Amino acid sequence: MNVFVKPGLLLGFILTLAACASTPKTEQQQYDEMRESISYMTLEQLSGKTVNPSLYLYNSTLKKDDHPEVHPELVHSLAAVIFAIGRKPKWAIVEANLALEAADDDSGRYVAYSALSIALYSNGWEGLGARYAAKATALEKGAELDKKYEDSRLTAKVIVGIFAINQGDGEGAEKLFAELGDKTGNPCYL
């Protein structure tokens, strides 16, 4: 019995293993893995234990006649966009998901889906970001809210696009600037 393996057979086996190991994960798989990571869950708990009680305290001190209550999905969505701009995509995704959990109507879900879309774009997941942007529009009042928040959404995308350029991601920036080009009638090329 020959205990030595033929070199060609061994090389074929190694190449097969390498091909299996290097199969790229989809954006959804990467996103799901991120959400199951310890660091994601830690960030989620940290935000939940700081933002929500602070917001509750703030809202409880308001005089209802003078100021409307601040909703948690707005605070988490704003934090998500700020973290996306600050190149902290995991924090941005955490905050956007917390916004989505807190949203209890179409307006809140629209803002949360839009923030999640921007957070996903900032992580380089353009396909997933587009899918969540489409979810915002698909809401019952989505088209109406799209009109209402068009300028705000466009501004946020341009800001994230500028940061994409700063990071050397020209392709990602072009995708973010596409809506601006459509609105102005002047395509934005880098």
C-alpha atoms as a PDB file:
ATOM      1  CA  MET A   1       0.000   0.000   0.000  1.00  0.00           C
ATOM      2  CA  ASN A   2       1.370   3.359  -1.063  1.00  0.00           C
ATOM      3  CA  VAL A   3       1.035   5.992   1.693  1.00  0.00           C
ATOM      4  CA  PHE A   4       2.183   8.812  -0.544  1.00  0.00           C
ATOM      5  CA  VAL A   5      -0.484  10.840  -2.326  1.00  0.00           C
ATOM      6  CA  LYS A   6       0.139  11.828  -5.903  1.00  0.00           C
ATOM      7  CA  PRO A   7       0.961  15.551  -6.123  1.00  0.00           C
ATOM      8  CA  GLY A   8      -1.706  16.225  -8.753  1.00  0.00           C
ATOM      9  CA  LEU A   9      -4.440  14.686  -6.618  1.00  0.00           C
ATOM     10  CA  LEU A  10      -3.307  16.648  -3.555  1.00  0.00           C
ATOM     11  CA  LEU A  11      -3.195  19.920  -5.533  1.00  0.00           C
ATOM     12  CA  GLY A  12      -6.702  19.285  -6.903  1.00  0.00           C
ATOM     13  CA  PHE A  13      -8.010  18.614  -3.398  1.00  0.00           C
ATOM     14  CA  ILE A  14      -6.434  21.820  -2.040  1.00  0.00           C
ATOM     15  CA  LEU A  15      -7.815  23.918  -4.919  1.00  0.00           C
ATOM     16  CA  THR A  16     -11.294  22.459  -4.363  1.00  0.00           C
ATOM     17  CA  LEU A  17     -11.150  23.341  -0.665  1.00  0.00           C
ATOM     18  CA  ALA A  18      -9.914  26.844  -1.468  1.00  0.00           C
ATOM     19  CA  ALA A  19     -12.741  27.395  -3.957  1.00  0.00           C
ATOM     20  CA  CYS A  20     -15.327  26.300  -1.382  1.00  0.00           C
ATOM     21  CA  ALA A  21     -13.845  28.491   1.323  1.00  0.00           C
ATOM     22  CA  SER A  22     -13.706  31.607  -0.855  1.00  0.00           C
ATOM     23  CA  THR A  23     -17.347  31.650  -1.944  1.00  0.00           C
ATOM     24  CA  PRO A  24     -18.375  35.266  -1.343  1.00  0.00           C
ATOM     25  CA  LYS A  25     -21.228  35.880   1.048  1.00  0.00           C
ATOM     26  CA  THR A  26     -24.220  37.867  -0.093  1.00  0.00           C
ATOM     27  CA  GLU A  27     -24.915  41.281   1.404  1.00  0.00           C
ATOM     28  CA  GLN A  28     -27.872  39.772   3.263  1.00  0.00           C
ATOM     29  CA  GLN A  29     -25.670  37.020   4.755  1.00  0.00           C
ATOM     30  CA  GLN A  30     -23.082  39.580   5.849  1.00  0.00           C
ATOM     31  CA  TYR A  31     -25.829  41.754   7.336  1.00  0.00           C
ATOM     32  CA  ASP A  32     -27.343  38.785   9.199  1.00  0.00           C
ATOM     33  CA  GLU A  33     -23.914  37.795  10.554  1.00  0.00           C
ATOM     34  CA  MET A  34     -23.319  41.357  11.724  1.00  0.00           C
ATOM     35  CA  ARG A  35     -26.648  41.414  13.575  1.00  0.00           C
ATOM     36  CA  GLU A  36     -25.733  38.157  15.358  1.00  0.00           C
ATOM     37  CA  SER A  37     -22.266  39.350  16.403  1.00  0.00           C
ATOM     38  CA  ILE A  38     -21.438  40.132  20.005  1.00  0.00           C
ATOM     39  CA  SER A  39     -20.233  43.632  19.118  1.00  0.00           C
ATOM     40  CA  TYR A  40     -23.544  44.416  17.375  1.00  0.00           C
ATOM     41  CA  MET A  41     -25.578  43.192  20.350  1.00  0.00           C
ATOM     42  CA  THR A  42     -23.369  45.184  22.724  1.00  0.00           C
ATOM     43  CA  LEU A  43     -23.859  48.372  20.701  1.00  0.00           C
ATOM     44  CA  GLU A  44     -27.599  47.713  20.585  1.00  0.00           C
ATOM     45  CA  GLN A  45     -27.809  47.320  24.373  1.00  0.00           C
ATOM     46  CA  LEU A  46     -25.652  50.381  24.953  1.00  0.00           C
ATOM     47  CA  SER A  47     -27.858  52.549  22.772  1.00  0.00           C
ATOM     48  CA  GLY A  48     -31.070  51.119  24.213  1.00  0.00           C
ATOM     49  CA  LYS A  49     -29.906  51.788  27.770  1.00  0.00           C
ATOM     50  CA  THR A  50     -28.798  55.360  27.070  1.00  0.00           C
ATOM     51  CA  VAL A  51     -30.977  56.861  24.331  1.00  0.00           C
ATOM     52  CA  ASN A  52     -34.375  55.513  25.375  1.00  0.00           C
ATOM     53  CA  PRO A  53     -34.217  56.523  29.080  1.00  0.00           C
ATOM     54  CA  SER A  54     -32.794  59.938  28.143  1.00  0.00           C
ATOM     55  CA  LEU A  55     -35.559  60.466  25.634  1.00  0.00           C
ATOM     56  CA  TYR A  56     -38.195  59.364  28.159  1.00  0.00           C
ATOM     57  CA  LEU A  57     -36.811  61.847  30.688  1.00  0.00           C
ATOM     58  CA  TYR A  58     -36.765  64.633  28.089  1.00  0.00           C
ATOM     59  CA  ASN A  59     -40.330  63.931  26.947  1.00  0.00           C
ATOM     60  CA  SER A  60     -41.584  63.784  30.531  1.00  0.00           C
ATOM     61  CA  THR A  61     -40.300  67.312  31.208  1.00  0.00           C
ATOM     62  CA  LEU A  62     -42.033  68.831  28.172  1.00  0.00           C
ATOM     63  CA  LYS A  63     -45.177  70.828  28.445  1.00  0.00           C
ATOM     64  CA  LYS A  64     -47.385  69.163  25.853  1.00  0.00           C
ATOM     65  CA  ASP A  65     -48.907  72.462  24.751  1.00  0.00           C
ATOM     66  CA  ASP A  66     -45.552  74.051  23.923  1.00  0.00           C
ATOM     67  CA  HIS A  67     -43.612  71.190  22.308  1.00  0.00           C
ATOM     68  CA  PRO A  68     -44.593  67.926  20.663  1.00  0.00           C
ATOM     69  CA  GLU A  69     -43.159  64.713  22.044  1.00  0.00           C
ATOM     70  CA  VAL A  70     -39.936  63.510  20.411  1.00  0.00           C
ATOM     71  CA  HIS A  71     -40.357  59.988  19.071  1.00  0.00           C
ATOM     72  CA  PRO A  72     -37.586  57.416  19.571  1.00  0.00           C
ATOM     73  CA  GLU A  73     -37.526  56.378  15.904  1.00  0.00           C
ATOM     74  CA  LEU A  74     -36.579  59.938  14.963  1.00  0.00           C
ATOM     75  CA  VAL A  75     -33.726  60.068  17.469  1.00  0.00           C
ATOM     76  CA  HIS A  76     -32.381  56.643  16.436  1.00  0.00           C
ATOM     77  CA  SER A  77     -32.750  57.522  12.725  1.00  0.00           C
ATOM     78  CA  LEU A  78     -30.874  60.785  13.180  1.00  0.00           C
ATOM     79  CA  ALA A  79     -28.153  58.950  15.109  1.00  0.00           C
ATOM     80  CA  ALA A  80     -27.958  56.369  12.281  1.00  0.00           C
ATOM     81  CA  VAL A  81     -27.359  59.065   9.672  1.00  0.00           C
ATOM     82  CA  ILE A  82     -24.784  60.811  11.880  1.00  0.00           C
ATOM     83  CA  PHE A  83     -22.910  57.528  12.387  1.00  0.00           C
ATOM     84  CA  ALA A  84     -23.088  56.793   8.641  1.00  0.00           C
ATOM     85  CA  ILE A  85     -21.541  60.198   7.959  1.00  0.00           C
ATOM     86  CA  GLY A  86     -18.944  59.587  10.678  1.00  0.00           C
ATOM     87  CA  ARG A  87     -17.888  56.331   8.985  1.00  0.00           C
ATOM     88  CA  LYS A  88     -19.235  54.111  11.747  1.00  0.00           C
ATOM     89  CA  PRO A  89     -21.444  51.833   9.626  1.00  0.00           C
ATOM     90  CA  LYS A  90     -22.048  49.218  12.317  1.00  0.00           C
ATOM     91  CA  TRP A  91     -23.244  51.880  14.770  1.00  0.00           C
ATOM     92  CA  ALA A  92     -25.385  53.367  11.984  1.00  0.00           C
ATOM     93  CA  ILE A  93     -27.008  50.002  11.274  1.00  0.00           C
ATOM     94  CA  VAL A  94     -27.652  49.380  14.974  1.00  0.00           C
ATOM     95  CA  GLU A  95     -29.347  52.765  15.376  1.00  0.00           C
ATOM     96  CA  ALA A  96     -31.410  52.343  12.204  1.00  0.00           C
ATOM     97  CA  ASN A  97     -32.652  48.935  13.346  1.00  0.00           C
ATOM     98  CA  LEU A  98     -33.559  50.390  16.748  1.00  0.00           C
ATOM     99  CA  ALA A  99     -35.478  53.114  14.902  1.00  0.00           C
ATOM    100  CA  LEU A 100     -37.335  50.474  12.930  1.00  0.00           C
ATOM    101  CA  GLU A 101     -38.231  48.606  16.142  1.00  0.00           C
ATOM    102  CA  ALA A 102     -39.523  51.829  17.735  1.00  0.00           C
ATOM    103  CA  ALA A 103     -41.587  52.942  14.729  1.00  0.00           C
ATOM    104  CA  ASP A 104     -45.310  52.441  15.176  1.00  0.00           C
ATOM    105  CA  ASP A 105     -46.764  54.165  12.104  1.00  0.00           C
ATOM    106  CA  ASP A 106     -45.991  54.704   8.416  1.00  0.00           C
ATOM    107  CA  SER A 107     -44.190  58.003   9.024  1.00  0.00           C
ATOM    108  CA  GLY A 108     -41.906  56.438  11.618  1.00  0.00           C
ATOM    109  CA  ARG A 109     -41.263  53.339   9.504  1.00  0.00           C
ATOM    110  CA  TYR A 110     -40.546  55.521   6.462  1.00  0.00           C
ATOM    111  CA  VAL A 111     -37.895  57.492   8.355  1.00  0.00           C
ATOM    112  CA  ALA A 112     -36.424  54.301   9.877  1.00  0.00           C
ATOM    113  CA  TYR A 113     -36.264  52.446   6.538  1.00  0.00           C
ATOM    114  CA  SER A 114     -34.632  55.493   4.951  1.00  0.00           C
ATOM    115  CA  ALA A 115     -32.042  55.670   7.747  1.00  0.00           C
ATOM    116  CA  LEU A 116     -31.375  51.936   7.441  1.00  0.00           C
ATOM    117  CA  SER A 117     -30.945  52.352   3.698  1.00  0.00           C
ATOM    118  CA  ILE A 118     -28.331  55.074   4.214  1.00  0.00           C
ATOM    119  CA  ALA A 119     -26.589  53.017   6.916  1.00  0.00           C
ATOM    120  CA  LEU A 120     -26.403  49.993   4.601  1.00  0.00           C
ATOM    121  CA  TYR A 121     -25.064  52.153   1.755  1.00  0.00           C
ATOM    122  CA  SER A 122     -22.398  53.485   4.124  1.00  0.00           C
ATOM    123  CA  ASN A 123     -21.313  49.900   4.780  1.00  0.00           C
ATOM    124  CA  GLY A 124     -20.947  49.275   1.045  1.00  0.00           C
ATOM    125  CA  TRP A 125     -24.106  47.170   0.730  1.00  0.00           C
ATOM    126  CA  GLU A 126     -25.741  49.108  -2.123  1.00  0.00           C
ATOM    127  CA  GLY A 127     -28.156  46.309  -3.108  1.00  0.00           C
ATOM    128  CA  LEU A 128     -29.437  45.886   0.421  1.00  0.00           C
ATOM    129  CA  GLY A 129     -29.614  49.670   0.865  1.00  0.00           C
ATOM    130  CA  ALA A 130     -31.727  49.972  -2.278  1.00  0.00           C
ATOM    131  CA  ARG A 131     -34.024  47.206  -1.037  1.00  0.00           C
ATOM    132  CA  TYR A 132     -34.743  49.042   2.218  1.00  0.00           C
ATOM    133  CA  ALA A 133     -35.217  52.347   0.385  1.00  0.00           C
ATOM    134  CA  ALA A 134     -37.826  50.572  -1.740  1.00  0.00           C
ATOM    135  CA  LYS A 135     -39.523  49.282   1.437  1.00  0.00           C
ATOM    136  CA  ALA A 136     -39.918  52.878   2.605  1.00  0.00           C
ATOM    137  CA  THR A 137     -41.608  53.846  -0.648  1.00  0.00           C
ATOM    138  CA  ALA A 138     -43.805  50.723  -0.645  1.00  0.00           C
ATOM    139  CA  LEU A 139     -45.506  51.675   2.624  1.00  0.00           C
ATOM    140  CA  GLU A 140     -49.159  52.656   2.382  1.00  0.00           C
ATOM    141  CA  LYS A 141     -48.249  56.328   2.684  1.00  0.00           C
ATOM    142  CA  GLY A 142     -44.783  55.837   1.154  1.00  0.00           C
ATOM    143  CA  ALA A 143     -45.326  57.825  -2.044  1.00  0.00           C
ATOM    144  CA  GLU A 144     -46.838  60.717  -0.088  1.00  0.00           C
ATOM    145  CA  LEU A 145     -43.931  60.653   2.386  1.00  0.00           C
ATOM    146  CA  ASP A 146     -41.435  60.389  -0.485  1.00  0.00           C
ATOM    147  CA  LYS A 147     -42.691  63.747  -1.739  1.00  0.00           C
ATOM    148  CA  LYS A 148     -42.693  65.267   1.747  1.00  0.00           C
ATOM    149  CA  TYR A 149     -39.143  64.120   2.619  1.00  0.00           C
ATOM    150  CA  GLU A 150     -37.618  64.184  -0.875  1.00  0.00           C
ATOM    151  CA  ASP A 151     -35.235  67.067  -0.189  1.00  0.00           C
ATOM    152  CA  SER A 152     -34.178  65.705   3.216  1.00  0.00           C
ATOM    153  CA  ARG A 153     -33.524  62.227   1.807  1.00  0.00           C
ATOM    154  CA  LEU A 154     -31.618  63.674  -1.130  1.00  0.00           C
ATOM    155  CA  THR A 155     -29.497  65.840   1.168  1.00  0.00           C
ATOM    156  CA  ALA A 156     -28.620  62.848   3.356  1.00  0.00           C
ATOM    157  CA  LYS A 157     -27.615  60.795   0.295  1.00  0.00           C
ATOM    158  CA  VAL A 158     -25.420  63.622  -1.022  1.00  0.00           C
ATOM    159  CA  ILE A 159     -23.686  63.952   2.366  1.00  0.00           C
ATOM    160  CA  VAL A 160     -23.043  60.196   2.541  1.00  0.00           C
ATOM    161  CA  GLY A 161     -21.903  60.341  -1.122  1.00  0.00           C
ATOM    162  CA  ILE A 162     -19.357  63.030  -0.260  1.00  0.00           C
ATOM    163  CA  PHE A 163     -17.991  60.783   2.460  1.00  0.00           C
ATOM    164  CA  ALA A 164     -17.910  57.877  -0.021  1.00  0.00           C
ATOM    165  CA  ILE A 165     -15.680  60.018  -2.250  1.00  0.00           C
ATOM    166  CA  ASN A 166     -13.533  60.801   0.776  1.00  0.00           C
ATOM    167  CA  GLN A 167     -13.120  57.049   1.333  1.00  0.00           C
ATOM    168  CA  GLY A 168     -12.218  56.486  -2.311  1.00  0.00           C
ATOM    169  CA  ASP A 169     -15.497  54.755  -3.175  1.00  0.00           C
ATOM    170  CA  GLY A 170     -16.337  56.460  -6.460  1.00  0.00           C
ATOM    171  CA  GLU A 171     -18.804  53.789  -7.565  1.00  0.00           C
ATOM    172  CA  GLY A 172     -20.750  54.014  -4.292  1.00  0.00           C
ATOM    173  CA  ALA A 173     -20.756  57.819  -4.507  1.00  0.00           C
ATOM    174  CA  GLU A 174     -22.136  57.743  -8.058  1.00  0.00           C
ATOM    175  CA  LYS A 175     -25.004  55.531  -6.913  1.00  0.00           C
ATOM    176  CA  LEU A 176     -25.779  57.925  -4.070  1.00  0.00           C
ATOM    177  CA  PHE A 177     -25.611  60.952  -6.409  1.00  0.00           C
ATOM    178  CA  ALA A 178     -27.828  59.307  -9.067  1.00  0.00           C
ATOM    179  CA  GLU A 179     -31.044  60.646  -7.515  1.00  0.00           C
ATOM    180  CA  LEU A 180     -29.620  64.183  -7.464  1.00  0.00           C
ATOM    181  CA  GLY A 181     -28.773  63.833 -11.162  1.00  0.00           C
ATOM    182  CA  ASP A 182     -32.287  62.621 -11.916  1.00  0.00           C
ATOM    183  CA  LYS A 183     -33.879  65.520 -10.034  1.00  0.00           C
ATOM    184  CA  THR A 184     -31.718  68.221 -11.595  1.00  0.00           C
ATOM    185  CA  GLY A 185     -31.560  66.675 -15.075  1.00  0.00           C
ATOM    186  CA  ASN A 186     -27.755  66.772 -14.909  1.00  0.00           C
ATOM    187  CA  PRO A 187     -26.130  63.364 -14.481  1.00  0.00           C
ATOM    188  CA  CYS A 188     -23.484  63.262 -11.767  1.00  0.00           C
ATOM    189  CA  TYR A 189     -20.325  61.496 -12.931  1.00  0.00           C
ATOM    190  CA  LEU A 190     -17.097  61.175 -11.026  1.00  0.00           C
END
